[in-house]
PDB file of N, CA and C in Angstrom:
ATOM      1  N   PHE A   1       0.783  -1.197   0.000  1.00  0.00           N
ATOM      2  CA  PHE A   1       0.000   0.000   0.000  1.00  0.00           C
ATOM      3  C   PHE A   1       0.831   1.270   0.000  1.00  0.00           C
ATOM      4  N   CYS A   2       2.137   1.136  -0.102  1.00  0.00           N
ATOM      5  CA  CYS A   2       3.027   2.298  -0.200  1.00  0.00           C
ATOM      6  C   CYS A   2       3.538   2.492  -1.619  1.00  0.00           C
ATOM      7  N   LEU A   3       3.111   1.681  -2.519  1.00  0.00           N
ATOM      8  CA  LEU A   3       3.651   1.696  -3.876  1.00  0.00           C
ATOM      9  C   LEU A   3       3.716   3.108  -4.433  1.00  0.00           C
ATOM     10  N   GLY A   4       4.939   3.531  -4.761  1.00  0.00           N
ATOM     11  CA  GLY A   4       5.164   4.853  -5.312  1.00  0.00           C
ATOM     12  C   GLY A   4       5.328   5.939  -4.262  1.00  0.00           C
ATOM     13  N   LYS A   5       5.147   5.618  -3.004  1.00  0.00           N
ATOM     14  CA  LYS A   5       5.241   6.614  -1.945  1.00  0.00           C
ATOM     15  C   LYS A   5       6.507   6.461  -1.099  1.00  0.00           C
ATOM     16  N   GLU A   6       7.313   5.458  -1.395  1.00  0.00           N
ATOM     17  CA  GLU A   6       8.498   5.208  -0.594  1.00  0.00           C
ATOM     18  C   GLU A   6       9.520   6.326  -0.781  1.00  0.00           C
ATOM     19  N   LYS A   7      10.229   6.643   0.291  1.00  0.00           N
ATOM     20  CA  LYS A   7      11.308   7.623   0.209  1.00  0.00           C
ATOM     21  C   LYS A   7      12.307   7.335   1.315  1.00  0.00           C
ATOM     22  N   ALA A   8      13.473   7.922   1.193  1.00  0.00           N
ATOM     23  CA  ALA A   8      14.484   7.781   2.239  1.00  0.00           C
ATOM     24  C   ALA A   8      13.949   8.422   3.514  1.00  0.00           C
ATOM     25  N   PRO A   9      14.399   7.948   4.667  1.00  0.00           N
ATOM     26  CA  PRO A   9      13.890   8.501   5.930  1.00  0.00           C
ATOM     27  C   PRO A   9      14.358   9.930   6.184  1.00  0.00           C
ATOM     28  N   ASP A  10      13.642  10.623   7.036  1.00  0.00           N
ATOM     29  CA  ASP A  10      14.083  11.941   7.489  1.00  0.00           C
ATOM     30  C   ASP A  10      15.298  11.763   8.386  1.00  0.00           C
ATOM     31  N   GLU A  11      16.076  12.822   8.522  1.00  0.00           N
ATOM     32  CA  GLU A  11      17.263  12.738   9.378  1.00  0.00           C
ATOM     33  C   GLU A  11      16.863  12.532  10.830  1.00  0.00           C
ATOM     34  N   PRO A  12      17.702  11.820  11.575  1.00  0.00           N
ATOM     35  CA  PRO A  12      17.419  11.643  12.998  1.00  0.00           C
ATOM     36  C   PRO A  12      17.454  12.994  13.705  1.00  0.00           C
ATOM     37  N   THR A  13      16.638  13.149  14.708  1.00  0.00           N
ATOM     38  CA  THR A  13      16.614  14.391  15.473  1.00  0.00           C
ATOM     39  C   THR A  13      17.078  14.121  16.897  1.00  0.00           C
ATOM     40  N   GLY A  14      17.422  15.167  17.592  1.00  0.00           N
ATOM     41  CA  GLY A  14      17.762  15.056  18.997  1.00  0.00           C
ATOM     42  C   GLY A  14      19.081  14.373  19.293  1.00  0.00           C
ATOM     43  N   LEU A  15      20.011  14.341  18.333  1.00  0.00           N
ATOM     44  CA  LEU A  15      21.320  13.714  18.587  1.00  0.00           C
ATOM     45  C   LEU A  15      22.001  14.457  19.730  1.00  0.00           C
ATOM     46  N   ARG A  16      22.411  13.700  20.736  1.00  0.00           N
ATOM     47  CA  ARG A  16      23.007  14.320  21.906  1.00  0.00           C
ATOM     48  C   ARG A  16      23.955  13.356  22.612  1.00  0.00           C
ATOM     49  N   GLU A  17      24.879  13.926  23.337  1.00  0.00           N
ATOM     50  CA  GLU A  17      25.783  13.147  24.168  1.00  0.00           C
ATOM     51  C   GLU A  17      25.179  13.062  25.565  1.00  0.00           C
ATOM     52  N   VAL A  18      25.184  11.885  26.142  1.00  0.00           N
ATOM     53  CA  VAL A  18      24.694  11.689  27.499  1.00  0.00           C
ATOM     54  C   VAL A  18      25.918  11.705  28.407  1.00  0.00           C
ATOM     55  N   THR A  19      26.203  12.878  28.955  1.00  0.00           N
ATOM     56  CA  THR A  19      27.457  13.057  29.691  1.00  0.00           C
ATOM     57  C   THR A  19      27.517  12.218  30.960  1.00  0.00           C
ATOM     58  N   GLU A  20      26.377  11.893  31.534  1.00  0.00           N
ATOM     59  CA  GLU A  20      26.373  11.075  32.748  1.00  0.00           C
ATOM     60  C   GLU A  20      26.901   9.672  32.490  1.00  0.00           C
ATOM     61  N   GLN A  21      26.871   9.215  31.234  1.00  0.00           N
ATOM     62  CA  GLN A  21      27.320   7.870  30.909  1.00  0.00           C
ATOM     63  C   GLN A  21      28.656   7.867  30.176  1.00  0.00           C
ATOM     64  N   ALA A  22      29.261   9.022  30.003  1.00  0.00           N
ATOM     65  CA  ALA A  22      30.550   9.117  29.311  1.00  0.00           C
ATOM     66  C   ALA A  22      31.697   8.870  30.283  1.00  0.00           C
ATOM     67  N   THR A  23      32.814   8.427  29.743  1.00  0.00           N
ATOM     68  CA  THR A  23      34.042   8.288  30.524  1.00  0.00           C
ATOM     69  C   THR A  23      35.136   9.052  29.794  1.00  0.00           C
ATOM     70  N   THR A  24      36.362   8.982  30.276  1.00  0.00           N
ATOM     71  CA  THR A  24      37.449   9.691  29.603  1.00  0.00           C
ATOM     72  C   THR A  24      37.789   9.061  28.253  1.00  0.00           C
ATOM     73  N   THR A  25      37.344   7.811  28.024  1.00  0.00           N
ATOM     74  CA  THR A  25      37.654   7.149  26.753  1.00  0.00           C
ATOM     75  C   THR A  25      36.411   6.615  26.046  1.00  0.00           C
ATOM     76  N   SER A  26      35.235   7.125  26.415  1.00  0.00           N
ATOM     77  CA  SER A  26      34.017   6.701  25.727  1.00  0.00           C
ATOM     78  C   SER A  26      33.016   7.850  25.674  1.00  0.00           C
ATOM     79  N   VAL A  27      32.140   7.768  24.683  1.00  0.00           N
ATOM     80  CA  VAL A  27      31.067   8.751  24.517  1.00  0.00           C
ATOM     81  C   VAL A  27      29.780   7.974  24.283  1.00  0.00           C
ATOM     82  N   TYR A  28      28.772   8.252  25.088  1.00  0.00           N
ATOM     83  CA  TYR A  28      27.467   7.622  24.928  1.00  0.00           C
ATOM     84  C   TYR A  28      26.562   8.635  24.247  1.00  0.00           C
ATOM     85  N   ILE A  29      26.019   8.259  23.079  1.00  0.00           N
ATOM     86  CA  ILE A  29      25.129   9.162  22.351  1.00  0.00           C
ATOM     87  C   ILE A  29      23.760   8.519  22.194  1.00  0.00           C
ATOM     88  N   GLU A  30      22.763   9.365  22.076  1.00  0.00           N
ATOM     89  CA  GLU A  30      21.420   8.880  21.792  1.00  0.00           C
ATOM     90  C   GLU A  30      20.722   9.897  20.908  1.00  0.00           C
ATOM     91  N   TRP A  31      19.644   9.460  20.285  1.00  0.00           N
ATOM     92  CA  TRP A  31      18.892  10.318  19.382  1.00  0.00           C
ATOM     93  C   TRP A  31      17.457   9.840  19.353  1.00  0.00           C
ATOM     94  N   ASP A  32      16.590  10.674  18.783  1.00  0.00           N
ATOM     95  CA  ASP A  32      15.184  10.320  18.659  1.00  0.00           C
ATOM     96  C   ASP A  32      15.003   9.457  17.419  1.00  0.00           C
ATOM     97  N   GLU A  33      14.070   8.554  17.484  1.00  0.00           N
ATOM     98  CA  GLU A  33      13.806   7.668  16.363  1.00  0.00           C
ATOM     99  C   GLU A  33      13.373   8.492  15.150  1.00  0.00           C
ATOM    100  N   SER A  34      13.894   8.132  13.974  1.00  0.00           N
ATOM    101  CA  SER A  34      13.456   8.787  12.748  1.00  0.00           C
ATOM    102  C   SER A  34      11.964   8.497  12.620  1.00  0.00           C
ATOM    103  N   PRO A  35      11.160   9.496  12.273  1.00  0.00           N
ATOM    104  CA  PRO A  35       9.710   9.306  12.286  1.00  0.00           C
ATOM    105  C   PRO A  35       9.282   8.008  11.592  1.00  0.00           C
ATOM    106  N   PRO A  36       8.761   7.060  12.367  1.00  0.00           N
ATOM    107  CA  PRO A  36       8.404   5.769  11.785  1.00  0.00           C
ATOM    108  C   PRO A  36       7.038   5.811  11.101  1.00  0.00           C
ATOM    109  N   THR A  37       7.054   5.634   9.817  1.00  0.00           N
ATOM    110  CA  THR A  37       5.805   5.458   9.079  1.00  0.00           C
ATOM    111  C   THR A  37       5.977   4.219   8.217  1.00  0.00           C
ATOM    112  N   THR A  38       4.928   3.731   7.702  1.00  0.00           N
ATOM    113  CA  THR A  38       4.995   2.507   6.909  1.00  0.00           C
ATOM    114  C   THR A  38       5.864   2.673   5.677  1.00  0.00           C
ATOM    115  N   CYS A  39       5.857   3.851   5.076  1.00  0.00           N
ATOM    116  CA  CYS A  39       6.530   4.029   3.795  1.00  0.00           C
ATOM    117  C   CYS A  39       7.935   4.621   3.881  1.00  0.00           C
ATOM    118  N   ASP A  40       8.262   5.333   4.943  1.00  0.00           N
ATOM    119  CA  ASP A  40       9.555   6.026   4.901  1.00  0.00           C
ATOM    120  C   ASP A  40      10.291   6.103   6.235  1.00  0.00           C
ATOM    121  N   GLY A  41       9.976   5.256   7.173  1.00  0.00           N
ATOM    122  CA  GLY A  41      10.685   5.264   8.446  1.00  0.00           C
ATOM    123  C   GLY A  41      12.068   4.639   8.328  1.00  0.00           C
ATOM    124  N   ALA A  42      12.887   4.864   9.330  1.00  0.00           N
ATOM    125  CA  ALA A  42      14.238   4.288   9.344  1.00  0.00           C
ATOM    126  C   ALA A  42      14.162   2.812   9.707  1.00  0.00           C
ATOM    127  N   THR A  43      14.973   2.012   9.040  1.00  0.00           N
ATOM    128  CA  THR A  43      15.104   0.599   9.368  1.00  0.00           C
ATOM    129  C   THR A  43      16.302   0.394  10.287  1.00  0.00           C
ATOM    130  N   TRP A  44      17.377   1.168  10.035  1.00  0.00           N
ATOM    131  CA  TRP A  44      18.561   1.130  10.878  1.00  0.00           C
ATOM    132  C   TRP A  44      19.277   2.468  10.779  1.00  0.00           C
ATOM    133  N   TYR A  45      20.348   2.613  11.556  1.00  0.00           N
ATOM    134  CA  TYR A  45      21.137   3.840  11.583  1.00  0.00           C
ATOM    135  C   TYR A  45      22.594   3.490  11.315  1.00  0.00           C
ATOM    136  N   GLU A  46      23.273   4.368  10.605  1.00  0.00           N
ATOM    137  CA  GLU A  46      24.702   4.194  10.346  1.00  0.00           C
ATOM    138  C   GLU A  46      25.430   5.416  10.874  1.00  0.00           C
ATOM    139  N   MET A  47      26.579   5.159  11.474  1.00  0.00           N
ATOM    140  CA  MET A  47      27.370   6.283  11.960  1.00  0.00           C
ATOM    141  C   MET A  47      28.829   6.061  11.646  1.00  0.00           C
ATOM    142  N   SER A  48      29.533   7.152  11.677  1.00  0.00           N
ATOM    143  CA  SER A  48      30.990   7.133  11.540  1.00  0.00           C
ATOM    144  C   SER A  48      31.522   8.207  12.480  1.00  0.00           C
ATOM    145  N   TYR A  49      32.782   8.101  12.821  1.00  0.00           N
ATOM    146  CA  TYR A  49      33.364   9.152  13.649  1.00  0.00           C
ATOM    147  C   TYR A  49      34.822   9.344  13.321  1.00  0.00           C
ATOM    148  N   THR A  50      35.291  10.544  13.590  1.00  0.00           N
ATOM    149  CA  THR A  50      36.683  10.923  13.376  1.00  0.00           C
ATOM    150  C   THR A  50      37.227  11.469  14.687  1.00  0.00           C
ATOM    151  N   ILE A  51      38.438  11.066  15.015  1.00  0.00           N
ATOM    152  CA  ILE A  51      39.099  11.558  16.218  1.00  0.00           C
ATOM    153  C   ILE A  51      40.248  12.461  15.789  1.00  0.00           C
ATOM    154  N   ASP A  52      40.273  13.681  16.331  1.00  0.00           N
ATOM    155  CA  ASP A  52      41.315  14.665  16.023  1.00  0.00           C
ATOM    156  C   ASP A  52      41.557  14.837  14.527  1.00  0.00           C
ATOM    157  N   LYS A  53      40.501  14.673  13.737  1.00  0.00           N
ATOM    158  CA  LYS A  53      40.550  14.848  12.271  1.00  0.00           C
ATOM    159  C   LYS A  53      41.580  13.958  11.591  1.00  0.00           C
ATOM    160  N   THR A  54      42.032  12.878  12.255  1.00  0.00           N
ATOM    161  CA  THR A  54      43.040  12.017  11.645  1.00  0.00           C
ATOM    162  C   THR A  54      42.622  10.551  11.581  1.00  0.00           C
ATOM    163  N   PHE A  55      41.967  10.050  12.599  1.00  0.00           N
ATOM    164  CA  PHE A  55      41.608   8.635  12.666  1.00  0.00           C
ATOM    165  C   PHE A  55      40.111   8.498  12.463  1.00  0.00           C
ATOM    166  N   SER A  56      39.689   7.696  11.495  1.00  0.00           N
ATOM    167  CA  SER A  56      38.266   7.566  11.198  1.00  0.00           C
ATOM    168  C   SER A  56      37.788   6.125  11.331  1.00  0.00           C
ATOM    169  N   VAL A  57      36.577   5.979  11.816  1.00  0.00           N
ATOM    170  CA  VAL A  57      35.889   4.693  11.855  1.00  0.00           C
ATOM    171  C   VAL A  57      34.573   4.900  11.117  1.00  0.00           C
ATOM    172  N   THR A  58      34.275   4.030  10.170  1.00  0.00           N
ATOM    173  CA  THR A  58      33.057   4.190   9.382  1.00  0.00           C
ATOM    174  C   THR A  58      32.208   2.923   9.445  1.00  0.00           C
ATOM    175  N   ASN A  59      30.996   3.061   8.966  1.00  0.00           N
ATOM    176  CA  ASN A  59      30.068   1.939   8.811  1.00  0.00           C
ATOM    177  C   ASN A  59      29.729   1.204  10.097  1.00  0.00           C
ATOM    178  N   ILE A  60      29.460   1.955  11.154  1.00  0.00           N
ATOM    179  CA  ILE A  60      28.922   1.354  12.367  1.00  0.00           C
ATOM    180  C   ILE A  60      27.416   1.309  12.184  1.00  0.00           C
ATOM    181  N   THR A  61      26.818   0.138  12.298  1.00  0.00           N
ATOM    182  CA  THR A  61      25.381  -0.022  12.092  1.00  0.00           C
ATOM    183  C   THR A  61      24.709  -0.389  13.406  1.00  0.00           C
ATOM    184  N   THR A  62      23.575   0.243  13.683  1.00  0.00           N
ATOM    185  CA  THR A  62      22.790  -0.093  14.865  1.00  0.00           C
ATOM    186  C   THR A  62      21.304   0.013  14.538  1.00  0.00           C
ATOM    187  N   TYR A  63      20.525  -0.812  15.209  1.00  0.00           N
ATOM    188  CA  TYR A  63      19.072  -0.766  15.057  1.00  0.00           C
ATOM    189  C   TYR A  63      18.437  -0.032  16.227  1.00  0.00           C
ATOM    190  N   LYS A  64      19.254   0.417  17.172  1.00  0.00           N
ATOM    191  CA  LYS A  64      18.777   1.110  18.359  1.00  0.00           C
ATOM    192  C   LYS A  64      18.948   2.618  18.186  1.00  0.00           C
ATOM    193  N   THR A  65      18.455   3.390  19.132  1.00  0.00           N
ATOM    194  CA  THR A  65      18.579   4.841  19.055  1.00  0.00           C
ATOM    195  C   THR A  65      19.572   5.353  20.100  1.00  0.00           C
ATOM    196  N   HIS A  66      20.601   4.557  20.329  1.00  0.00           N
ATOM    197  CA  HIS A  66      21.697   4.959  21.215  1.00  0.00           C
ATOM    198  C   HIS A  66      22.922   4.113  20.863  1.00  0.00           C
ATOM    199  N   TYR A  67      24.084   4.619  21.239  1.00  0.00           N
ATOM    200  CA  TYR A  67      25.313   3.877  20.957  1.00  0.00           C
ATOM    201  C   TYR A  67      26.406   4.372  21.898  1.00  0.00           C
ATOM    202  N   ASN A  68      27.245   3.456  22.339  1.00  0.00           N
ATOM    203  CA  ASN A  68      28.364   3.798  23.198  1.00  0.00           C
ATOM    204  C   ASN A  68      29.652   3.635  22.391  1.00  0.00           C
ATOM    205  N   LEU A  69      30.288   4.746  22.057  1.00  0.00           N
ATOM    206  CA  LEU A  69      31.569   4.705  21.340  1.00  0.00           C
ATOM    207  C   LEU A  69      32.668   4.540  22.380  1.00  0.00           C
ATOM    208  N   THR A  70      33.395   3.457  22.280  1.00  0.00           N
ATOM    209  CA  THR A  70      34.430   3.162  23.263  1.00  0.00           C
ATOM    210  C   THR A  70      35.806   3.154  22.609  1.00  0.00           C
ATOM    211  N   GLY A  71      36.827   3.114  23.428  1.00  0.00           N
ATOM    212  CA  GLY A  71      38.195   3.061  22.920  1.00  0.00           C
ATOM    213  C   GLY A  71      38.676   4.384  22.358  1.00  0.00           C
ATOM    214  N   LEU A  72      38.050   5.477  22.775  1.00  0.00           N
ATOM    215  CA  LEU A  72      38.460   6.793  22.296  1.00  0.00           C
ATOM    216  C   LEU A  72      39.708   7.257  23.042  1.00  0.00           C
ATOM    217  N   MET A  73      40.375   8.217  22.496  1.00  0.00           N
ATOM    218  CA  MET A  73      41.568   8.761  23.134  1.00  0.00           C
ATOM    219  C   MET A  73      41.166   9.870  24.106  1.00  0.00           C
ATOM    220  N   GLU A  74      41.766   9.855  25.265  1.00  0.00           N
ATOM    221  CA  GLU A  74      41.469  10.853  26.275  1.00  0.00           C
ATOM    222  C   GLU A  74      41.858  12.245  25.775  1.00  0.00           C
ATOM    223  N   ASP A  75      41.025  13.240  26.047  1.00  0.00           N
ATOM    224  CA  ASP A  75      41.249  14.645  25.665  1.00  0.00           C
ATOM    225  C   ASP A  75      41.319  14.869  24.156  1.00  0.00           C
ATOM    226  N   ALA A  76      40.761  13.984  23.368  1.00  0.00           N
ATOM    227  CA  ALA A  76      40.754  14.146  21.912  1.00  0.00           C
ATOM    228  C   ALA A  76      39.464  14.842  21.484  1.00  0.00           C
ATOM    229  N   THR A  77      39.480  15.436  20.304  1.00  0.00           N
ATOM    230  CA  THR A  77      38.251  15.973  19.736  1.00  0.00           C
ATOM    231  C   THR A  77      37.667  14.908  18.821  1.00  0.00           C
ATOM    232  N   TYR A  78      36.379  14.818  18.789  1.00  0.00           N
ATOM    233  CA  TYR A  78      35.731  13.795  17.977  1.00  0.00           C
ATOM    234  C   TYR A  78      34.547  14.398  17.235  1.00  0.00           C
ATOM    235  N   CYS A  79      34.262  13.830  16.088  1.00  0.00           N
ATOM    236  CA  CYS A  79      33.136  14.261  15.265  1.00  0.00           C
ATOM    237  C   CYS A  79      32.368  13.014  14.851  1.00  0.00           C
ATOM    238  N   ILE A  80      31.081  12.973  15.198  1.00  0.00           N
ATOM    239  CA  ILE A  80      30.236  11.818  14.914  1.00  0.00           C
ATOM    240  C   ILE A  80      29.207  12.207  13.867  1.00  0.00           C
ATOM    241  N   THR A  81      29.071  11.379  12.846  1.00  0.00           N
ATOM    242  CA  THR A  81      28.080  11.597  11.791  1.00  0.00           C
ATOM    243  C   THR A  81      27.076  10.450  11.838  1.00  0.00           C
ATOM    244  N   LEU A  82      25.787  10.769  11.823  1.00  0.00           N
ATOM    245  CA  LEU A  82      24.726   9.775  11.936  1.00  0.00           C
ATOM    246  C   LEU A  82      23.718   9.968  10.812  1.00  0.00           C
ATOM    247  N   VAL A  83      23.285   8.864  10.199  1.00  0.00           N
ATOM    248  CA  VAL A  83      22.219   8.903   9.192  1.00  0.00           C
ATOM    249  C   VAL A  83      21.211   7.792   9.490  1.00  0.00           C
ATOM    250  N   ALA A  84      19.971   8.025   9.099  1.00  0.00           N
ATOM    251  CA  ALA A  84      18.923   7.007   9.158  1.00  0.00           C
ATOM    252  C   ALA A  84      18.869   6.340   7.786  1.00  0.00           C
ATOM    253  N   VAL A  85      18.599   5.033   7.757  1.00  0.00           N
ATOM    254  CA  VAL A  85      18.628   4.273   6.504  1.00  0.00           C
ATOM    255  C   VAL A  85      17.387   3.393   6.395  1.00  0.00           C
ATOM    256  N   ASN A  86      16.878   3.264   5.182  1.00  0.00           N
ATOM    257  CA  ASN A  86      15.851   2.260   4.888  1.00  0.00           C
ATOM    258  C   ASN A  86      16.130   1.683   3.504  1.00  0.00           C
ATOM    259  N   ALA A  87      15.239   0.889   2.977  1.00  0.00           N
ATOM    260  CA  ALA A  87      15.470   0.215   1.698  1.00  0.00           C
ATOM    261  C   ALA A  87      15.608   1.185   0.529  1.00  0.00           C
ATOM    262  N   VAL A  88      15.062   2.390   0.657  1.00  0.00           N
ATOM    263  CA  VAL A  88      15.121   3.374  -0.420  1.00  0.00           C
ATOM    264  C   VAL A  88      16.431   4.149  -0.413  1.00  0.00           C
ATOM    265  N   GLY A  89      16.958   4.452   0.772  1.00  0.00           N
ATOM    266  CA  GLY A  89      18.191   5.226   0.819  1.00  0.00           C
ATOM    267  C   GLY A  89      18.517   5.734   2.207  1.00  0.00           C
ATOM    268  N   LYS A  90      19.349   6.771   2.245  1.00  0.00           N
ATOM    269  CA  LYS A  90      19.825   7.353   3.500  1.00  0.00           C
ATOM    270  C   LYS A  90      19.292   8.773   3.668  1.00  0.00           C
ATOM    271  N   SER A  91      19.146   9.159   4.919  1.00  0.00           N
ATOM    272  CA  SER A  91      18.725  10.520   5.237  1.00  0.00           C
ATOM    273  C   SER A  91      19.910  11.476   5.105  1.00  0.00           C
ATOM    274  N   GLN A  92      19.628  12.737   5.281  1.00  0.00           N
ATOM    275  CA  GLN A  92      20.698  13.717   5.438  1.00  0.00           C
ATOM    276  C   GLN A  92      21.429  13.379   6.727  1.00  0.00           C
ATOM    277  N   SER A  93      22.693  13.724   6.803  1.00  0.00           N
ATOM    278  CA  SER A  93      23.459  13.399   8.005  1.00  0.00           C
ATOM    279  C   SER A  93      23.245  14.437   9.100  1.00  0.00           C
ATOM    280  N   VAL A  94      23.417  13.986  10.328  1.00  0.00           N
ATOM    281  CA  VAL A  94      23.394  14.827  11.516  1.00  0.00           C
ATOM    282  C   VAL A  94      24.777  14.700  12.133  1.00  0.00           C
ATOM    283  N   ILE A  95      25.360  15.809  12.562  1.00  0.00           N
ATOM    284  CA  ILE A  95      26.744  15.812  13.041  1.00  0.00           C
ATOM    285  C   ILE A  95      26.822  16.314  14.471  1.00  0.00           C
ATOM    286  N   LEU A  96      27.602  15.598  15.276  1.00  0.00           N
ATOM    287  CA  LEU A  96      27.866  15.980  16.654  1.00  0.00           C
ATOM    288  C   LEU A  96      29.376  16.162  16.781  1.00  0.00           C
ATOM    289  N   PHE A  97      29.812  17.376  17.103  1.00  0.00           N
ATOM    290  CA  PHE A  97      31.248  17.672  17.221  1.00  0.00           C
ATOM    291  C   PHE A  97      31.539  18.033  18.666  1.00  0.00           C
ATOM    292  N   ASN A  98      32.324  17.202  19.343  1.00  0.00           N
ATOM    293  CA  ASN A  98      32.632  17.392  20.756  1.00  0.00           C
ATOM    294  C   ASN A  98      31.403  17.676  21.614  1.00  0.00           C
ATOM    295  N   GLY A  99      30.368  16.887  21.374  1.00  0.00           N
ATOM    296  CA  GLY A  99      29.170  16.965  22.203  1.00  0.00           C
ATOM    297  C   GLY A  99      28.139  17.990  21.780  1.00  0.00           C
ATOM    298  N   GLU A 100      28.401  18.749  20.713  1.00  0.00           N
ATOM    299  CA  GLU A 100      27.447  19.751  20.264  1.00  0.00           C
ATOM    300  C   GLU A 100      27.107  19.544  18.800  1.00  0.00           C
ATOM    301  N   LYS A 101      25.853  19.820  18.453  1.00  0.00           N
ATOM    302  CA  LYS A 101      25.390  19.638  17.076  1.00  0.00           C
ATOM    303  C   LYS A 101      26.067  20.668  16.176  1.00  0.00           C
ATOM    304  N   HIS A 102      26.574  20.222  15.008  1.00  0.00           N
ATOM    305  CA  HIS A 102      27.233  21.079  14.043  1.00  0.00           C
ATOM    306  C   HIS A 102      26.739  20.757  12.640  1.00  0.00           C
ATOM    307  N   THR A 103      27.107  21.598  11.700  1.00  0.00           N
ATOM    308  CA  THR A 103      26.753  21.347  10.308  1.00  0.00           C
ATOM    309  C   THR A 103      27.874  20.672   9.539  1.00  0.00           C
ATOM    310  N   ALA A 104      29.078  20.671  10.080  1.00  0.00           N
ATOM    311  CA  ALA A 104      30.216  20.009   9.430  1.00  0.00           C
ATOM    312  C   ALA A 104      31.266  19.681  10.482  1.00  0.00           C
ATOM    313  N   CYS A 105      32.110  18.716  10.154  1.00  0.00           N
ATOM    314  CA  CYS A 105      33.200  18.354  11.060  1.00  0.00           C
ATOM    315  C   CYS A 105      34.364  19.314  10.915  1.00  0.00           C
TER     316      CYS A 105
END
């Protein structure tokens, strides 16, 4: 019943760092579920992150609306990029740079 109405999901909203669950070498992030509808909701989320603009990790996949990034370097700057994904495609990316929402890393 969605024939012809399918589209990539909207970008995730509410991306934030949960500082109460962070450590010196980990960052716990969570976000609001991409609006779930029959035709265009997110099926999963993909993220990548860069530490100090030199070391990158890509293609982390999760079906949940939270993730704990571990093994980070103490006192480093990090940039996390998150997208919502479904069978049609990917949403626009949402970026978190050192705990604050940004438009670019």
